[in-house]
Amino acid sequence: MKVHILDDWFDTLRGLPCFAKLKGHDVTVWNAHFRSTDLLAEKLAGAEALVLFRERTAITADLLQRLPNLKLISQRSVYPHVDVPACTAQGVLLCSNMKADGHSVAAAELTWALMLACARQLTAQNASIKAGQWQMGVGQSLAGRRLGLYGYGRIARAVAGYARAFGMEVVWWASEQGRAWALAAGETVAESREAFFAQSDFISLHVRMKPETKGIISAADLALMKPSASFINTSRAGLVEPGAMLAAMRAGRPGRAGIDVFETEPLTDAHDPLVHHPNVIATPHIGFVTEDELDSQFADIFDQINAYAEGAPIHMINPEVWR
């Protein structure tokens, strides 16, 4: 098949073990990010299979109508960036492994790194010593403090394990079903949503981005947080009400934030006010960007291409196309 891979910005995939799975296919890897639908349609004109690098490019009806050779889109996890009805209308099969084994160790580790960085003011302390000013303030220990985990999923449970190793108290909030699962597992669930936000020293968000979770964290939620608290988001920016994060930081509740995800990505505005807020530690959506994690994810994605080519597609989101 003629396979096109979008948005491999650092040309990473060719050097990973999983890339060997594409042997025998005609593979084109695009390292640039194409914002223009016209340019995308031009570049992908010959594509039969399209590989998506997470949610970096939206697949719209307009684009699909201009790709008459496209038969398959292969990716992993949720797909709010893909117009599935348009795929079906154009006869394009979407395959996405929604229940991959294990959790994203990389995302859990970055979550923990951002928590430590917020607690110990690492970027500000680093800037201070580089400026010849020695210490710039007093940080926090994690031991004995309360970590609130929003969302009872695999990544959150991994972060909970880190927290307990550091001597933290862990409390949970989630959907009604998520809270029930947490209670059944013997976990501590906050007495109310308000108490969860008001009493946690750190809150880390771990929820999948779906239409029903868009804006699930409101400005009112953030306003309940302590001035001494930190909010960590390595999931998706769209889970937070638009504009609420910046407003909350300007109001001082919470006092600090570790942010890996943004409303516009890639974010290339050198003057973005959230990124430049003095109490925000920002990273450019690197939660999943490790060699180990990418090899695991794209092994699944390339397996889907081979399964399709062999006439037995797997992880079909719109199976009516295949039927």
Protein backbone atom coordinates (compact mmCIF):
# COMPACT_ATOMS: atom_id res chain seq x y z
CA MET A 1 0.00 0.00 0.00
CA LYS A 2 0.99 3.61 -0.46
CA VAL A 3 1.30 4.69 3.17
CA HIS A 4 1.70 8.32 4.18
CA ILE A 5 2.68 9.26 7.74
CA LEU A 6 1.84 12.77 8.90
CA ASP A 7 3.59 15.04 11.41
CA ASP A 8 6.68 13.01 12.32
CA TRP A 9 8.37 16.29 13.16
CA PHE A 10 11.77 14.87 14.16
CA ASP A 11 11.82 11.97 11.70
CA THR A 12 11.74 9.63 14.67
CA LEU A 13 9.74 6.68 13.36
CA ARG A 14 12.25 5.46 10.77
CA GLY A 15 14.73 4.78 13.56
CA LEU A 16 12.37 2.73 15.73
CA PRO A 17 12.08 -1.09 15.68
CA CYS A 18 8.37 -0.88 14.80
CA PHE A 19 9.12 0.75 11.42
CA ALA A 20 10.20 -2.64 10.08
CA LYS A 21 6.52 -3.64 10.16
CA LEU A 22 6.00 -1.42 7.09
CA LYS A 23 8.49 -3.38 4.98
CA GLY A 24 6.90 -4.06 1.61
CA HIS A 25 4.76 -0.93 1.65
CA ASP A 26 5.51 2.29 -0.25
CA VAL A 27 6.02 4.67 2.69
CA THR A 28 6.19 8.47 2.65
CA VAL A 29 6.97 10.26 5.91
CA TRP A 30 6.09 13.94 6.23
CA ASN A 31 8.16 15.82 8.81
CA ALA A 32 6.49 19.19 8.28
CA HIS A 33 3.07 20.14 9.69
CA PHE A 34 0.66 21.22 6.97
CA ARG A 35 -2.04 23.62 8.19
CA SER A 36 -3.59 24.22 4.77
CA THR A 37 -6.19 21.76 3.48
CA ASP A 38 -5.10 22.59 -0.06
CA LEU A 39 -1.50 21.67 0.74
CA LEU A 40 -2.54 18.50 2.58
CA ALA A 41 -4.67 17.39 -0.37
CA GLU A 42 -1.75 18.00 -2.71
CA LYS A 43 0.79 16.14 -0.58
CA LEU A 44 -1.50 13.17 0.15
CA ALA A 45 -2.93 12.80 -3.35
CA GLY A 46 -1.55 9.29 -3.84
CA ALA A 47 -2.11 7.99 -0.31
CA GLU A 48 -4.01 4.73 0.16
CA ALA A 49 -3.33 4.51 3.89
CA LEU A 50 -2.84 7.49 6.18
CA VAL A 51 -1.06 7.26 9.54
CA LEU A 52 -1.90 9.94 12.09
CA PHE A 53 0.52 11.12 14.74
CA ARG A 54 -1.97 11.52 17.56
CA GLU A 55 -4.15 14.61 17.04
CA ARG A 56 -1.64 16.79 15.26
CA THR A 57 -3.73 17.06 12.06
CA ALA A 58 -7.52 17.26 11.79
CA ILE A 59 -9.08 15.00 9.18
CA THR A 60 -12.04 16.93 7.82
CA ALA A 61 -14.78 16.17 5.31
CA ASP A 62 -13.26 18.71 2.93
CA LEU A 63 -9.90 16.95 3.01
CA LEU A 64 -11.39 13.46 2.65
CA GLN A 65 -13.38 14.46 -0.42
CA ARG A 66 -10.12 15.43 -2.07
CA LEU A 67 -8.35 12.13 -1.41
CA PRO A 68 -10.07 9.67 -3.78
CA ASN A 69 -7.38 6.99 -3.37
CA LEU A 70 -7.55 6.88 0.41
CA LYS A 71 -8.84 3.60 1.83
CA LEU A 72 -7.56 3.48 5.43
CA ILE A 73 -6.71 5.80 8.31
CA SER A 74 -4.67 4.13 11.04
CA GLN A 75 -4.02 5.66 14.44
CA ARG A 76 -4.32 4.86 18.15
CA SER A 77 -6.65 5.97 20.95
CA VAL A 78 -9.41 8.58 20.75
CA TYR A 79 -10.24 10.40 17.52
CA PRO A 80 -11.97 13.77 18.11
CA HIS A 81 -9.82 15.13 15.26
CA VAL A 82 -11.29 12.72 12.69
CA ASP A 83 -14.65 13.29 10.99
CA VAL A 84 -15.84 9.68 11.22
CA PRO A 85 -19.16 10.18 9.34
CA ALA A 86 -17.21 11.79 6.52
CA CYS A 87 -14.81 8.82 6.50
CA THR A 88 -17.77 6.47 6.19
CA ALA A 89 -19.35 8.54 3.44
CA GLN A 90 -16.10 8.45 1.47
CA GLY A 91 -15.56 4.73 2.07
CA VAL A 92 -12.50 5.28 4.25
CA LEU A 93 -12.00 2.80 7.11
CA LEU A 94 -10.76 4.24 10.41
CA CYS A 95 -8.82 1.80 12.59
CA SER A 96 -7.77 2.83 16.09
CA ASN A 97 -6.74 0.61 18.97
CA MET A 98 -8.79 2.00 21.85
CA LYS A 99 -7.70 -0.54 24.46
CA ALA A 100 -3.97 -0.90 24.05
CA ASP A 101 -2.27 -2.96 26.72
CA GLY A 102 -0.74 -1.10 29.64
CA HIS A 103 -0.66 2.65 30.18
CA SER A 104 1.49 5.47 28.89
CA VAL A 105 4.48 5.28 31.21
CA ALA A 106 5.87 8.33 29.44
CA ALA A 107 2.80 10.45 30.26
CA ALA A 108 2.77 9.30 33.87
CA GLU A 109 6.46 10.10 34.25
CA LEU A 110 6.08 13.58 32.76
CA THR A 111 3.13 14.22 35.08
CA TRP A 112 5.35 13.41 38.01
CA ALA A 113 8.20 15.53 36.65
CA LEU A 114 5.86 18.54 36.35
CA MET A 115 4.59 18.00 39.90
CA LEU A 116 8.13 17.97 41.26
CA ALA A 117 9.04 20.98 39.14
CA CYS A 118 6.07 22.94 40.51
CA ALA A 119 6.71 21.89 44.09
CA ARG A 120 10.39 22.82 44.00
CA GLN A 121 10.12 25.79 41.59
CA LEU A 122 12.74 24.14 39.40
CA THR A 123 12.57 26.42 36.37
CA ALA A 124 12.60 29.60 38.47
CA GLN A 125 15.40 28.30 40.69
CA ASN A 126 17.37 27.33 37.59
CA ALA A 127 16.87 30.79 36.07
CA SER A 128 17.88 32.40 39.36
CA ILE A 129 21.21 30.63 39.67
CA LYS A 130 21.99 31.25 36.00
CA ALA A 131 21.38 34.95 36.66
CA GLY A 132 23.81 34.87 39.61
CA GLN A 133 21.07 35.40 42.19
CA TRP A 134 21.25 32.05 44.12
CA GLN A 135 17.93 30.93 45.71
CA MET A 136 14.72 32.67 44.65
CA GLY A 137 12.18 31.19 47.10
CA VAL A 138 11.04 28.28 49.25
CA GLY A 139 9.53 25.16 47.72
CA GLN A 140 7.27 22.40 49.02
CA SER A 141 7.87 18.79 49.99
CA LEU A 142 5.48 16.26 48.46
CA ALA A 143 5.43 13.93 51.47
CA GLY A 144 2.33 14.46 53.61
CA ARG A 145 0.54 16.56 51.00
CA ARG A 146 -2.69 15.64 49.20
CA LEU A 147 -2.72 14.71 45.54
CA GLY A 148 -6.10 14.90 43.85
CA LEU A 149 -6.36 12.73 40.75
CA TYR A 150 -9.21 13.58 38.37
CA GLY A 151 -10.09 10.57 36.27
CA TYR A 152 -9.76 6.94 37.33
CA GLY A 153 -7.73 5.53 34.45
CA ARG A 154 -4.49 3.66 33.95
CA ILE A 155 -2.22 6.70 33.80
CA ALA A 156 -3.80 8.19 36.91
CA ARG A 157 -3.37 4.91 38.77
CA ALA A 158 0.32 4.86 37.81
CA VAL A 159 0.72 8.42 39.13
CA ALA A 160 -1.02 7.34 42.34
CA GLY A 161 1.67 4.70 42.77
CA TYR A 162 4.39 7.32 42.44
CA ALA A 163 2.60 9.54 44.94
CA ARG A 164 2.37 6.82 47.55
CA ALA A 165 6.07 6.06 47.12
CA PHE A 166 6.70 9.73 47.96
CA GLY A 167 4.46 9.59 51.04
CA MET A 168 1.53 11.54 49.64
CA GLU A 169 -2.16 11.16 50.42
CA VAL A 170 -4.17 10.30 47.29
CA VAL A 171 -7.82 11.25 46.72
CA TRP A 172 -9.91 10.82 43.60
CA TRP A 173 -12.63 12.46 41.57
CA ALA A 174 -14.04 11.17 38.29
CA SER A 175 -17.27 10.37 36.52
CA GLU A 176 -19.89 8.55 38.56
CA GLN A 177 -18.67 5.25 37.12
CA GLY A 178 -15.04 6.19 37.75
CA ARG A 179 -15.76 7.04 41.36
CA ALA A 180 -17.54 3.72 41.79
CA TRP A 181 -14.52 1.87 40.40
CA ALA A 182 -12.21 3.80 42.74
CA LEU A 183 -14.34 2.98 45.77
CA ALA A 184 -14.54 -0.68 44.75
CA ALA A 185 -10.74 -0.73 44.63
CA GLY A 186 -10.54 0.64 48.19
CA GLU A 187 -9.47 4.13 47.13
CA THR A 188 -10.45 7.39 48.80
CA VAL A 189 -12.94 9.48 46.85
CA ALA A 190 -13.47 13.12 47.84
CA GLU A 191 -16.73 13.82 49.65
CA SER A 192 -17.71 16.26 46.89
CA ARG A 193 -16.36 17.87 43.75
CA GLU A 194 -15.96 21.14 45.67
CA ALA A 195 -13.96 19.44 48.43
CA PHE A 196 -11.75 17.74 45.84
CA PHE A 197 -10.66 21.07 44.35
CA ALA A 198 -10.57 23.04 47.59
CA GLN A 199 -8.61 20.55 49.71
CA SER A 200 -6.02 19.15 47.28
CA ASP A 201 -2.45 20.46 47.32
CA PHE A 202 -1.88 19.12 43.81
CA ILE A 203 -4.46 18.17 41.18
CA SER A 204 -3.55 16.14 38.13
CA LEU A 205 -6.00 15.70 35.26
CA HIS A 206 -6.27 12.31 33.53
CA VAL A 207 -9.39 12.16 31.35
CA ARG A 208 -9.81 11.21 27.70
CA MET A 209 -10.87 14.03 25.40
CA LYS A 210 -14.36 13.27 24.05
CA PRO A 211 -17.34 15.51 23.24
CA GLU A 212 -18.84 14.82 26.67
CA THR A 213 -15.62 15.73 28.52
CA LYS A 214 -14.92 18.98 26.69
CA GLY A 215 -14.57 21.80 29.24
CA ILE A 216 -15.15 19.39 32.14
CA ILE A 217 -12.88 21.53 34.35
CA SER A 218 -14.50 24.94 34.81
CA ALA A 219 -13.24 28.31 35.94
CA ALA A 220 -15.30 27.81 39.10
CA ASP A 221 -13.46 24.55 39.81
CA LEU A 222 -10.06 26.20 39.51
CA ALA A 223 -11.17 29.15 41.64
CA LEU A 224 -11.73 26.73 44.54
CA MET A 225 -8.08 25.70 44.60
CA LYS A 226 -5.64 26.94 47.24
CA PRO A 227 -3.18 29.71 46.36
CA SER A 228 -0.49 27.24 47.45
CA ALA A 229 -1.78 24.44 45.18
CA SER A 230 -0.60 23.25 41.76
CA PHE A 231 -2.65 22.06 38.78
CA ILE A 232 -1.09 19.59 36.33
CA ASN A 233 -2.48 18.86 32.87
CA THR A 234 -0.76 16.30 30.66
CA SER A 235 -4.07 15.11 29.12
CA ARG A 236 -5.72 17.66 26.82
CA ALA A 237 -6.22 21.42 26.97
CA GLY A 238 -9.82 21.07 25.78
CA LEU A 239 -10.75 19.38 29.05
CA VAL A 240 -10.45 22.81 30.68
CA GLU A 241 -12.96 25.55 29.90
CA PRO A 242 -11.46 27.87 27.24
CA GLY A 243 -9.49 30.71 28.79
CA ALA A 244 -10.05 29.41 32.34
CA MET A 245 -6.47 28.29 32.93
CA LEU A 246 -4.92 31.68 32.19
CA ALA A 247 -7.61 33.49 34.18
CA ALA A 248 -7.02 31.17 37.13
CA MET A 249 -3.27 31.75 37.08
CA ARG A 250 -3.77 35.49 36.96
CA ALA A 251 -6.15 35.22 39.92
CA GLY A 252 -3.62 33.16 41.88
CA ARG A 253 -5.82 30.08 42.32
CA PRO A 254 -4.07 27.74 41.85
CA GLY A 255 -0.70 29.25 42.61
CA ARG A 256 1.24 27.12 40.12
CA ALA A 257 0.59 24.96 37.08
CA GLY A 258 2.45 22.37 35.04
CA ILE A 259 0.99 22.37 31.52
CA ASP A 260 1.92 20.06 28.64
CA VAL A 261 -1.14 20.66 26.42
CA PHE A 262 -2.56 23.79 24.83
CA GLU A 263 -5.70 25.01 23.08
CA THR A 264 -3.67 25.59 19.89
CA GLU A 265 -1.02 23.07 18.90
CA PRO A 266 1.66 23.32 17.79
CA LEU A 267 1.91 26.48 19.88
CA THR A 268 4.54 28.70 18.29
CA ASP A 269 3.54 32.09 19.73
CA ALA A 270 6.67 33.27 21.52
CA HIS A 271 4.52 35.67 23.55
CA ASP A 272 1.72 33.31 24.62
CA PRO A 273 0.52 34.68 28.00
CA LEU A 274 -0.10 31.28 29.61
CA VAL A 275 3.32 29.94 28.66
CA HIS A 276 4.98 33.12 29.92
CA HIS A 277 3.10 33.33 33.20
CA PRO A 278 5.80 33.23 35.91
CA ASN A 279 4.07 30.45 37.83
CA VAL A 280 3.50 28.16 34.86
CA ILE A 281 5.93 25.43 33.87
CA ALA A 282 5.13 24.65 30.24
CA THR A 283 6.27 21.82 28.01
CA PRO A 284 5.33 21.37 24.31
CA HIS A 285 3.05 18.28 24.49
CA ILE A 286 5.87 15.84 25.19
CA GLY A 287 3.92 13.56 27.53
CA PHE A 288 4.01 10.72 25.00
CA VAL A 289 7.16 11.76 23.14
CA THR A 290 9.74 9.17 24.12
CA GLU A 291 11.30 6.55 21.87
CA ASP A 292 9.84 3.74 23.99
CA GLU A 293 6.29 5.11 23.95
CA LEU A 294 6.31 5.89 20.24
CA ASP A 295 7.59 2.43 19.37
CA SER A 296 4.76 0.88 21.37
CA GLN A 297 2.08 3.11 19.87
CA PHE A 298 3.17 2.85 16.26
CA ALA A 299 3.64 -0.91 16.45
CA ASP A 300 -0.13 -1.02 16.99
CA ILE A 301 -0.76 1.47 14.20
CA PHE A 302 1.40 -0.41 11.69
CA ASP A 303 -0.19 -3.74 12.69
CA GLN A 304 -3.53 -2.21 11.68
CA ILE A 305 -2.17 -1.37 8.24
CA ASN A 306 -0.85 -4.90 7.73
CA ALA A 307 -4.11 -6.43 8.92
CA TYR A 308 -6.02 -4.31 6.39
CA ALA A 309 -3.60 -5.23 3.60
CA GLU A 310 -4.12 -8.92 4.45
CA GLY A 311 -7.89 -8.54 4.23
CA ALA A 312 -8.62 -8.89 7.95
CA PRO A 313 -8.74 -5.37 9.44
CA ILE A 314 -8.64 -4.91 13.21
CA HIS A 315 -9.80 -2.21 15.63
CA MET A 316 -12.37 -0.88 13.16
CA ILE A 317 -14.22 2.26 14.28
CA ASN A 318 -16.61 2.35 11.30
CA PRO A 319 -16.84 -1.33 10.32
CA GLU A 320 -19.76 -0.67 8.00
CA VAL A 321 -17.19 0.59 5.49
CA TRP A 322 -15.52 -2.83 5.43
CA ARG A 323 -18.80 -4.73 5.23
